[in-house]
C-alpha atoms as a PDB file:
ATOM      1  CA  MET A   1       0.000   0.000   0.000  1.00  0.00           C
ATOM      2  CA  LYS A   2       1.210   3.454  -0.887  1.00  0.00           C
ATOM      3  CA  VAL A   3       0.518   6.511   1.267  1.00  0.00           C
ATOM      4  CA  THR A   4       0.599   9.845  -0.522  1.00  0.00           C
ATOM      5  CA  LEU A   5       0.638  13.241   1.108  1.00  0.00           C
ATOM      6  CA  LEU A   6      -0.802  15.654  -1.465  1.00  0.00           C
ATOM      7  CA  VAL A   7      -0.280  19.260  -0.402  1.00  0.00           C
ATOM      8  CA  VAL A   8      -0.790  22.713  -1.825  1.00  0.00           C
ATOM      9  CA  GLY A   9       2.448  24.672  -1.674  1.00  0.00           C
ATOM     10  CA  ARG A  10       5.911  23.861  -0.442  1.00  0.00           C
ATOM     11  CA  ALA A  11       7.233  23.516   3.092  1.00  0.00           C
ATOM     12  CA  ARG A  12       9.126  26.665   3.984  1.00  0.00           C
ATOM     13  CA  GLY A  13      10.391  28.476   7.011  1.00  0.00           C
ATOM     14  CA  ASP A  14      11.375  27.212  10.416  1.00  0.00           C
ATOM     15  CA  LEU A  15       9.216  24.068  10.258  1.00  0.00           C
ATOM     16  CA  GLN A  16      10.731  22.792   6.993  1.00  0.00           C
ATOM     17  CA  PRO A  17      13.522  20.734   8.640  1.00  0.00           C
ATOM     18  CA  ALA A  18      11.063  19.047  11.019  1.00  0.00           C
ATOM     19  CA  ILE A  19       8.666  18.316   8.156  1.00  0.00           C
ATOM     20  CA  ALA A  20      11.482  16.775   6.120  1.00  0.00           C
ATOM     21  CA  ALA A  21      12.618  14.658   9.088  1.00  0.00           C
ATOM     22  CA  TYR A  22       9.160  13.220   9.788  1.00  0.00           C
ATOM     23  CA  GLU A  23       8.381  12.650   6.119  1.00  0.00           C
ATOM     24  CA  GLU A  24      11.634  10.694   5.848  1.00  0.00           C
ATOM     25  CA  ARG A  25      10.654   8.630   8.906  1.00  0.00           C
ATOM     26  CA  VAL A  26       7.236   7.848   7.390  1.00  0.00           C
ATOM     27  CA  GLY A  27       9.051   6.185   4.504  1.00  0.00           C
ATOM     28  CA  HIS A  28      10.348   3.513   6.884  1.00  0.00           C
ATOM     29  CA  TYR A  29       6.777   2.245   7.418  1.00  0.00           C
ATOM     30  CA  TRP A  30       4.915   2.880   4.172  1.00  0.00           C
ATOM     31  CA  LYS A  31       5.598   3.317   0.499  1.00  0.00           C
ATOM     32  CA  PHE A  32       5.403   7.075   0.810  1.00  0.00           C
ATOM     33  CA  GLU A  33       5.297   9.995  -1.581  1.00  0.00           C
ATOM     34  CA  VAL A  34       4.825  13.711  -1.076  1.00  0.00           C
ATOM     35  CA  VAL A  35       3.212  15.539  -3.980  1.00  0.00           C
ATOM     36  CA  GLU A  36       3.330  19.326  -3.840  1.00  0.00           C
ATOM     37  CA  VAL A  37       1.072  21.289  -6.182  1.00  0.00           C
ATOM     38  CA  ASP A  38       1.374  25.005  -6.842  1.00  0.00           C
ATOM     39  CA  ALA A  39      -0.579  27.351  -4.633  1.00  0.00           C
ATOM     40  CA  GLY A  40      -2.689  30.158  -5.979  1.00  0.00           C
ATOM     41  CA  ALA A  41      -4.368  30.797  -9.273  1.00  0.00           C
ATOM     42  CA  GLY A  42      -1.682  32.416 -11.384  1.00  0.00           C
ATOM     43  CA  GLY A  43      -2.422  36.031 -10.532  1.00  0.00           C
ATOM     44  CA  ARG A  44      -6.134  35.656  -9.776  1.00  0.00           C
ATOM     45  CA  GLU A  45      -6.762  36.695  -6.223  1.00  0.00           C
ATOM     46  CA  ASP A  46     -10.379  35.890  -5.405  1.00  0.00           C
ATOM     47  CA  ARG A  47     -11.028  32.898  -3.185  1.00  0.00           C
ATOM     48  CA  GLU A  48     -13.162  30.932  -5.637  1.00  0.00           C
ATOM     49  CA  SER A  49     -10.630  31.220  -8.448  1.00  0.00           C
ATOM     50  CA  VAL A  50      -7.768  30.213  -6.184  1.00  0.00           C
ATOM     51  CA  ILE A  51      -9.418  27.101  -4.746  1.00  0.00           C
ATOM     52  CA  ALA A  52     -10.774  26.087  -8.168  1.00  0.00           C
ATOM     53  CA  ALA A  53      -7.292  26.274  -9.698  1.00  0.00           C
ATOM     54  CA  GLU A  54      -5.802  24.363  -6.756  1.00  0.00           C
ATOM     55  CA  ALA A  55      -8.569  21.741  -6.983  1.00  0.00           C
ATOM     56  CA  GLU A  56      -7.801  21.169 -10.640  1.00  0.00           C
ATOM     57  CA  ARG A  57      -4.124  20.586  -9.839  1.00  0.00           C
ATOM     58  CA  ILE A  58      -4.952  18.351  -6.841  1.00  0.00           C
ATOM     59  CA  LEU A  59      -7.467  16.160  -8.659  1.00  0.00           C
ATOM     60  CA  ALA A  60      -5.091  15.688 -11.591  1.00  0.00           C
ATOM     61  CA  ARG A  61      -2.512  14.176  -9.229  1.00  0.00           C
ATOM     62  CA  ILE A  62      -4.737  11.571  -7.532  1.00  0.00           C
ATOM     63  CA  PRO A  63      -4.267   8.167  -9.159  1.00  0.00           C
ATOM     64  CA  GLU A  64      -7.357   6.175 -10.079  1.00  0.00           C
ATOM     65  CA  GLY A  65      -8.393   3.796  -7.304  1.00  0.00           C
ATOM     66  CA  THR A  66      -6.694   5.769  -4.527  1.00  0.00           C
ATOM     67  CA  GLU A  67      -8.823   6.479  -1.467  1.00  0.00           C
ATOM     68  CA  VAL A  68      -8.756  10.179  -0.643  1.00  0.00           C
ATOM     69  CA  VAL A  69      -8.756  11.545   2.887  1.00  0.00           C
ATOM     70  CA  ALA A  70      -9.351  15.296   2.818  1.00  0.00           C
ATOM     71  CA  LEU A  71      -8.095  17.301   5.766  1.00  0.00           C
ATOM     72  CA  THR A  72     -10.801  19.763   6.763  1.00  0.00           C
ATOM     73  CA  ARG A  73     -11.788  21.543   9.940  1.00  0.00           C
ATOM     74  CA  ASP A  74     -15.221  19.917   9.832  1.00  0.00           C
ATOM     75  CA  GLY A  75     -13.912  16.379   9.350  1.00  0.00           C
ATOM     76  CA  SER A  76     -13.866  13.564  11.891  1.00  0.00           C
ATOM     77  CA  THR A  77     -11.273  13.577  14.623  1.00  0.00           C
ATOM     78  CA  TRP A  78      -9.258  10.399  15.026  1.00  0.00           C
ATOM     79  CA  SER A  79      -6.913   9.274  17.737  1.00  0.00           C
ATOM     80  CA  SER A  80      -3.416   8.158  16.808  1.00  0.00           C
ATOM     81  CA  ARG A  81      -4.519   4.573  17.373  1.00  0.00           C
ATOM     82  CA  ARG A  82      -7.536   5.057  15.056  1.00  0.00           C
ATOM     83  CA  LEU A  83      -5.255   6.336  12.297  1.00  0.00           C
ATOM     84  CA  SER A  84      -2.924   3.367  12.733  1.00  0.00           C
ATOM     85  CA  ASP A  85      -5.898   0.962  12.669  1.00  0.00           C
ATOM     86  CA  TYR A  86      -7.184   2.574   9.463  1.00  0.00           C
ATOM     87  CA  LEU A  87      -3.823   2.279   7.708  1.00  0.00           C
ATOM     88  CA  GLY A  88      -3.182  -1.199   9.080  1.00  0.00           C
ATOM     89  CA  GLU A  89      -6.560  -2.507   7.871  1.00  0.00           C
ATOM     90  CA  ARG A  90      -6.042  -1.030   4.407  1.00  0.00           C
ATOM     91  CA  ALA A  91      -2.613  -2.659   4.161  1.00  0.00           C
ATOM     92  CA  LEU A  92      -3.685  -6.017   5.634  1.00  0.00           C
ATOM     93  CA  HIS A  93      -6.713  -6.414   3.386  1.00  0.00           C
ATOM     94  CA  GLY A  94      -5.147  -4.964   0.234  1.00  0.00           C
ATOM     95  CA  LEU A  95      -7.680  -2.143   0.071  1.00  0.00           C
ATOM     96  CA  GLY A  96      -5.448   0.050  -2.075  1.00  0.00           C
ATOM     97  CA  ASP A  97      -3.507   3.232  -1.791  1.00  0.00           C
ATOM     98  CA  VAL A  98      -4.504   6.285   0.224  1.00  0.00           C
ATOM     99  CA  ALA A  99      -3.857   9.980  -0.348  1.00  0.00           C
ATOM    100  CA  PHE A 100      -4.134  12.556   2.418  1.00  0.00           C
ATOM    101  CA  VAL A 101      -4.892  16.002   0.956  1.00  0.00           C
ATOM    102  CA  ILE A 102      -3.994  19.308   2.628  1.00  0.00           C
ATOM    103  CA  GLY A 103      -5.395  22.382   0.901  1.00  0.00           C
ATOM    104  CA  GLY A 104      -4.022  25.861   0.519  1.00  0.00           C
ATOM    105  CA  ALA A 105      -4.766  29.082   2.383  1.00  0.00           C
ATOM    106  CA  TRP A 106      -8.474  28.973   1.469  1.00  0.00           C
ATOM    107  CA  GLY A 107      -8.928  25.262   2.162  1.00  0.00           C
ATOM    108  CA  LEU A 108     -10.206  22.627  -0.251  1.00  0.00           C
ATOM    109  CA  ALA A 109     -12.731  23.116  -3.025  1.00  0.00           C
ATOM    110  CA  PRO A 110     -15.995  21.166  -2.873  1.00  0.00           C
ATOM    111  CA  ASP A 111     -14.817  19.101  -5.879  1.00  0.00           C
ATOM    112  CA  VAL A 112     -11.939  17.780  -3.772  1.00  0.00           C
ATOM    113  CA  THR A 113     -14.014  17.052  -0.676  1.00  0.00           C
ATOM    114  CA  ARG A 114     -16.606  15.256  -2.839  1.00  0.00           C
ATOM    115  CA  ARG A 115     -13.820  13.063  -4.237  1.00  0.00           C
ATOM    116  CA  ALA A 116     -12.774  12.165  -0.682  1.00  0.00           C
ATOM    117  CA  ALA A 117     -14.019   8.967   0.927  1.00  0.00           C
ATOM    118  CA  ARG A 118     -13.235  10.460   4.333  1.00  0.00           C
ATOM    119  CA  ARG A 119     -12.723  13.866   5.858  1.00  0.00           C
ATOM    120  CA  LEU A 120     -10.297  14.175   8.722  1.00  0.00           C
ATOM    121  CA  SER A 121      -9.804  17.093  11.096  1.00  0.00           C
ATOM    122  CA  LEU A 122      -6.456  17.652  12.767  1.00  0.00           C
ATOM    123  CA  SER A 123      -7.987  20.372  14.924  1.00  0.00           C
ATOM    124  CA  GLY A 124     -11.050  22.555  15.164  1.00  0.00           C
ATOM    125  CA  MET A 125      -8.632  25.455  14.896  1.00  0.00           C
ATOM    126  CA  THR A 126      -7.226  26.794  11.663  1.00  0.00           C
ATOM    127  CA  LEU A 127      -3.634  25.625  11.214  1.00  0.00           C
ATOM    128  CA  PRO A 128      -0.976  27.118   8.971  1.00  0.00           C
ATOM    129  CA  HIS A 129      -0.176  24.885   5.990  1.00  0.00           C
ATOM    130  CA  GLU A 130       3.270  23.920   7.293  1.00  0.00           C
ATOM    131  CA  MET A 131       1.959  23.097  10.762  1.00  0.00           C
ATOM    132  CA  ALA A 132      -0.796  20.851   9.365  1.00  0.00           C
ATOM    133  CA  ARG A 133       1.770  19.091   7.182  1.00  0.00           C
ATOM    134  CA  LEU A 134       4.149  18.571  10.113  1.00  0.00           C
ATOM    135  CA  PHE A 135       1.367  17.314  12.362  1.00  0.00           C
ATOM    136  CA  LEU A 136       0.089  14.843   9.771  1.00  0.00           C
ATOM    137  CA  ALA A 137       3.592  13.579   8.935  1.00  0.00           C
ATOM    138  CA  GLU A 138       4.283  12.975  12.628  1.00  0.00           C
ATOM    139  CA  GLN A 139       0.988  11.101  12.992  1.00  0.00           C
ATOM    140  CA  LEU A 140       1.731   8.916   9.959  1.00  0.00           C
ATOM    141  CA  TYR A 141       5.096   8.081  11.501  1.00  0.00           C
ATOM    142  CA  ARG A 142       3.431   7.392  14.864  1.00  0.00           C
ATOM    143  CA  ALA A 143       0.884   5.102  13.147  1.00  0.00           C
ATOM    144  CA  GLY A 144       3.739   3.030  11.743  1.00  0.00           C
ATOM    145  CA  THR A 145       5.372   2.690  15.152  1.00  0.00           C
ATOM    146  CA  ILE A 146       2.060   1.674  16.735  1.00  0.00           C
ATOM    147  CA  LEU A 147       1.510  -1.058  14.143  1.00  0.00           C
ATOM    148  CA  ARG A 148       5.003  -2.426  14.737  1.00  0.00           C
ATOM    149  CA  ASN A 149       4.747  -2.167  18.535  1.00  0.00           C
ATOM    150  CA  GLU A 150       7.718   0.159  18.668  1.00  0.00           C
ATOM    151  CA  PRO A 151       8.194   2.279  21.803  1.00  0.00           C
ATOM    152  CA  TYR A 152       7.634   5.741  20.244  1.00  0.00           C
ATOM    153  CA  HIS A 153       3.899   5.939  21.031  1.00  0.00           C
ATOM    154  CA  LYS A 154       3.275   6.418  24.734  1.00  0.00           C
ATOM    155  CA  GLY A 155      -0.448   7.190  24.468  1.00  0.00           C
ATOM    156  CA  ARG A 156      -3.200   5.074  25.946  1.00  0.00           C
ATOM    157  CA  ASP A 157      -5.405   5.277  22.866  1.00  0.00           C
END
């Protein structure tokens, strides 16, 4: 099973080294790919144009048969254990690849959320793009350690 992290924009700033470190760690547990699509709408500034252009780029990068998990504020909240169970079940039963999608500054277009089989919330709060990416990468790494009974995860869930 392949896990793809499909994100709008590139990791920049102070969090970039931490993002790179966790994304590298994720690769020890899953076939893993990060796909970055351009942010914005090529000079168009209104919200609808921006998210429509981003949606077009996102949807073009999702392989056929891949289950999409859209990260949205109004999605379900999962524990670390729930995420590891989800990934473990998909891998064990050969249910196919999964792509986690993080939108740009305006979030995800309805076309993207309709394509998603699941919607996941990292927090009820709005997170900067880089922080959401770091948080998800760490949780994907944690899910791998949980499935292998490695000592990283100290949680009770």
